[in-house]
Amino acid sequence: MSNEPKKHHYVPQFYMRQFPCMADAKKVMTLERHRDVVVAASKSIARIGYEDLFRAP
């Protein structure tokens, strides 16, 4: 079994922690587009900005 991480963050988590939500320090505000509507939502830092099992070419 390999010790390589499964989630490779292309936006470092330590950087995202500089912009926390007022209600929860482990979340950041995001904007998502749903067809013609833009929705603001708070998302967990651990759940955004990564690729699963990223492999360099």
N, C-alpha and C. Protein backbone atom coordinates (compact mmCIF):
# COMPACT_ATOMS: atom_id res chain seq x y z
N MET A 1 0.84 -1.18 0.00
CA MET A 1 0.00 0.00 0.00
C MET A 1 0.89 1.24 0.00
N SER A 2 0.56 2.19 -0.83
CA SER A 2 1.35 3.40 -0.98
C SER A 2 0.96 4.45 0.06
N ASN A 3 1.91 5.28 0.45
CA ASN A 3 1.64 6.36 1.39
C ASN A 3 1.32 7.67 0.68
N GLU A 4 1.13 7.64 -0.65
CA GLU A 4 0.82 8.85 -1.40
C GLU A 4 -0.57 9.35 -1.03
N PRO A 5 -0.73 10.67 -0.92
CA PRO A 5 -2.05 11.22 -0.60
C PRO A 5 -3.03 10.98 -1.75
N LYS A 6 -4.29 10.83 -1.42
CA LYS A 6 -5.32 10.61 -2.43
C LYS A 6 -5.89 11.92 -2.95
N LYS A 7 -5.88 12.95 -2.10
CA LYS A 7 -6.38 14.26 -2.51
C LYS A 7 -5.22 15.22 -2.64
N HIS A 8 -5.01 15.73 -3.84
CA HIS A 8 -3.94 16.67 -4.11
C HIS A 8 -4.55 18.05 -4.28
N HIS A 9 -4.32 18.93 -3.33
CA HIS A 9 -4.91 20.27 -3.36
C HIS A 9 -4.12 21.18 -4.28
N TYR A 10 -4.81 21.75 -5.28
CA TYR A 10 -4.16 22.72 -6.15
C TYR A 10 -4.29 24.12 -5.58
N VAL A 11 -5.15 24.31 -4.60
CA VAL A 11 -5.20 25.54 -3.80
C VAL A 11 -4.83 25.09 -2.39
N PRO A 12 -3.66 25.50 -1.88
CA PRO A 12 -3.23 25.02 -0.56
C PRO A 12 -4.23 25.37 0.55
N GLN A 13 -4.47 24.41 1.43
CA GLN A 13 -5.42 24.61 2.51
C GLN A 13 -4.97 25.72 3.44
N PHE A 14 -3.66 25.86 3.69
CA PHE A 14 -3.20 26.93 4.58
C PHE A 14 -3.53 28.30 4.00
N TYR A 15 -3.58 28.41 2.66
CA TYR A 15 -3.95 29.67 2.03
C TYR A 15 -5.45 29.94 2.19
N MET A 16 -6.27 28.93 1.99
CA MET A 16 -7.73 29.09 2.12
C MET A 16 -8.13 29.42 3.55
N ARG A 17 -7.35 28.99 4.53
CA ARG A 17 -7.68 29.28 5.93
C ARG A 17 -7.53 30.76 6.27
N GLN A 18 -6.92 31.54 5.38
CA GLN A 18 -6.79 32.98 5.61
C GLN A 18 -8.10 33.72 5.32
N PHE A 19 -9.10 33.03 4.74
CA PHE A 19 -10.37 33.64 4.35
C PHE A 19 -11.55 32.88 4.93
N PRO A 20 -11.62 32.70 6.26
CA PRO A 20 -12.70 31.88 6.84
C PRO A 20 -14.04 32.61 6.87
N CYS A 21 -15.11 31.82 7.00
CA CYS A 21 -16.45 32.37 7.21
C CYS A 21 -16.53 32.90 8.65
N MET A 22 -17.42 33.82 8.86
CA MET A 22 -17.60 34.37 10.20
C MET A 22 -18.14 33.30 11.16
N ALA A 23 -19.02 32.43 10.68
CA ALA A 23 -19.67 31.44 11.53
C ALA A 23 -18.79 30.22 11.83
N ASP A 24 -17.92 29.84 10.87
CA ASP A 24 -17.12 28.63 11.03
C ASP A 24 -15.75 28.84 10.41
N ALA A 25 -14.71 28.70 11.19
CA ALA A 25 -13.34 28.95 10.71
C ALA A 25 -12.84 27.87 9.76
N LYS A 26 -13.54 26.74 9.65
CA LYS A 26 -13.11 25.67 8.76
C LYS A 26 -13.83 25.71 7.41
N LYS A 27 -14.54 26.81 7.15
CA LYS A 27 -15.27 26.96 5.88
C LYS A 27 -14.93 28.30 5.24
N VAL A 28 -15.07 28.35 3.92
CA VAL A 28 -14.89 29.58 3.16
C VAL A 28 -16.13 29.81 2.30
N MET A 29 -16.36 31.07 1.94
CA MET A 29 -17.48 31.40 1.06
C MET A 29 -17.08 31.11 -0.38
N THR A 30 -17.96 30.49 -1.12
CA THR A 30 -17.72 30.19 -2.53
C THR A 30 -18.88 30.71 -3.37
N LEU A 31 -18.61 30.89 -4.64
CA LEU A 31 -19.65 31.24 -5.60
C LEU A 31 -19.76 30.10 -6.58
N GLU A 32 -20.98 29.64 -6.81
CA GLU A 32 -21.24 28.56 -7.75
C GLU A 32 -22.25 29.03 -8.77
N ARG A 33 -22.06 28.63 -9.99
CA ARG A 33 -23.00 28.99 -11.04
C ARG A 33 -23.92 27.82 -11.33
N HIS A 34 -25.21 28.06 -11.26
CA HIS A 34 -26.23 27.08 -11.58
C HIS A 34 -27.06 27.66 -12.71
N ARG A 35 -26.70 27.30 -13.93
CA ARG A 35 -27.30 27.87 -15.15
C ARG A 35 -27.14 29.38 -15.15
N ASP A 36 -28.21 30.14 -14.99
CA ASP A 36 -28.13 31.60 -15.05
C ASP A 36 -28.07 32.25 -13.67
N VAL A 37 -27.97 31.45 -12.62
CA VAL A 37 -28.00 31.98 -11.26
C VAL A 37 -26.65 31.71 -10.58
N VAL A 38 -26.13 32.73 -9.89
CA VAL A 38 -24.90 32.56 -9.11
C VAL A 38 -25.31 32.46 -7.64
N VAL A 39 -24.84 31.40 -6.98
CA VAL A 39 -25.22 31.13 -5.60
C VAL A 39 -23.99 31.22 -4.71
N ALA A 40 -24.10 31.97 -3.62
CA ALA A 40 -23.03 32.05 -2.62
C ALA A 40 -23.32 31.01 -1.54
N ALA A 41 -22.30 30.23 -1.18
CA ALA A 41 -22.47 29.19 -0.17
C ALA A 41 -21.16 29.02 0.59
N SER A 42 -21.26 28.54 1.82
CA SER A 42 -20.05 28.23 2.58
C SER A 42 -19.72 26.75 2.37
N LYS A 43 -18.45 26.49 2.09
CA LYS A 43 -17.99 25.12 1.83
C LYS A 43 -16.82 24.80 2.73
N SER A 44 -16.70 23.55 3.09
CA SER A 44 -15.60 23.08 3.92
C SER A 44 -14.29 23.17 3.15
N ILE A 45 -13.24 23.67 3.78
CA ILE A 45 -11.94 23.81 3.15
C ILE A 45 -11.41 22.45 2.69
N ALA A 46 -11.66 21.42 3.43
CA ALA A 46 -11.17 20.08 3.08
C ALA A 46 -11.86 19.51 1.85
N ARG A 47 -13.00 20.06 1.47
CA ARG A 47 -13.78 19.51 0.36
C ARG A 47 -13.67 20.29 -0.95
N ILE A 48 -12.87 21.35 -1.00
CA ILE A 48 -12.75 22.13 -2.24
C ILE A 48 -11.29 22.29 -2.64
N GLY A 49 -11.06 22.57 -3.90
CA GLY A 49 -9.72 22.88 -4.38
C GLY A 49 -8.77 21.71 -4.48
N TYR A 50 -9.26 20.52 -4.86
CA TYR A 50 -8.37 19.36 -4.95
C TYR A 50 -8.75 18.47 -6.13
N GLU A 51 -7.86 17.58 -6.49
CA GLU A 51 -8.08 16.54 -7.48
C GLU A 51 -7.86 15.20 -6.80
N ASP A 52 -8.71 14.24 -7.09
CA ASP A 52 -8.51 12.89 -6.57
C ASP A 52 -7.45 12.16 -7.38
N LEU A 53 -6.51 11.54 -6.68
CA LEU A 53 -5.46 10.71 -7.29
C LEU A 53 -4.80 11.38 -8.47
N PHE A 54 -4.38 12.62 -8.32
CA PHE A 54 -3.76 13.38 -9.38
C PHE A 54 -2.45 12.74 -9.80
N ARG A 55 -2.28 12.58 -11.09
CA ARG A 55 -1.04 12.01 -11.63
C ARG A 55 -0.46 13.00 -12.63
N ALA A 56 0.79 13.33 -12.47
CA ALA A 56 1.47 14.22 -13.42
C ALA A 56 1.71 13.46 -14.72
N PRO A 57 1.62 14.16 -15.87
CA PRO A 57 1.83 13.46 -17.16
C PRO A 57 3.24 13.01 -17.37
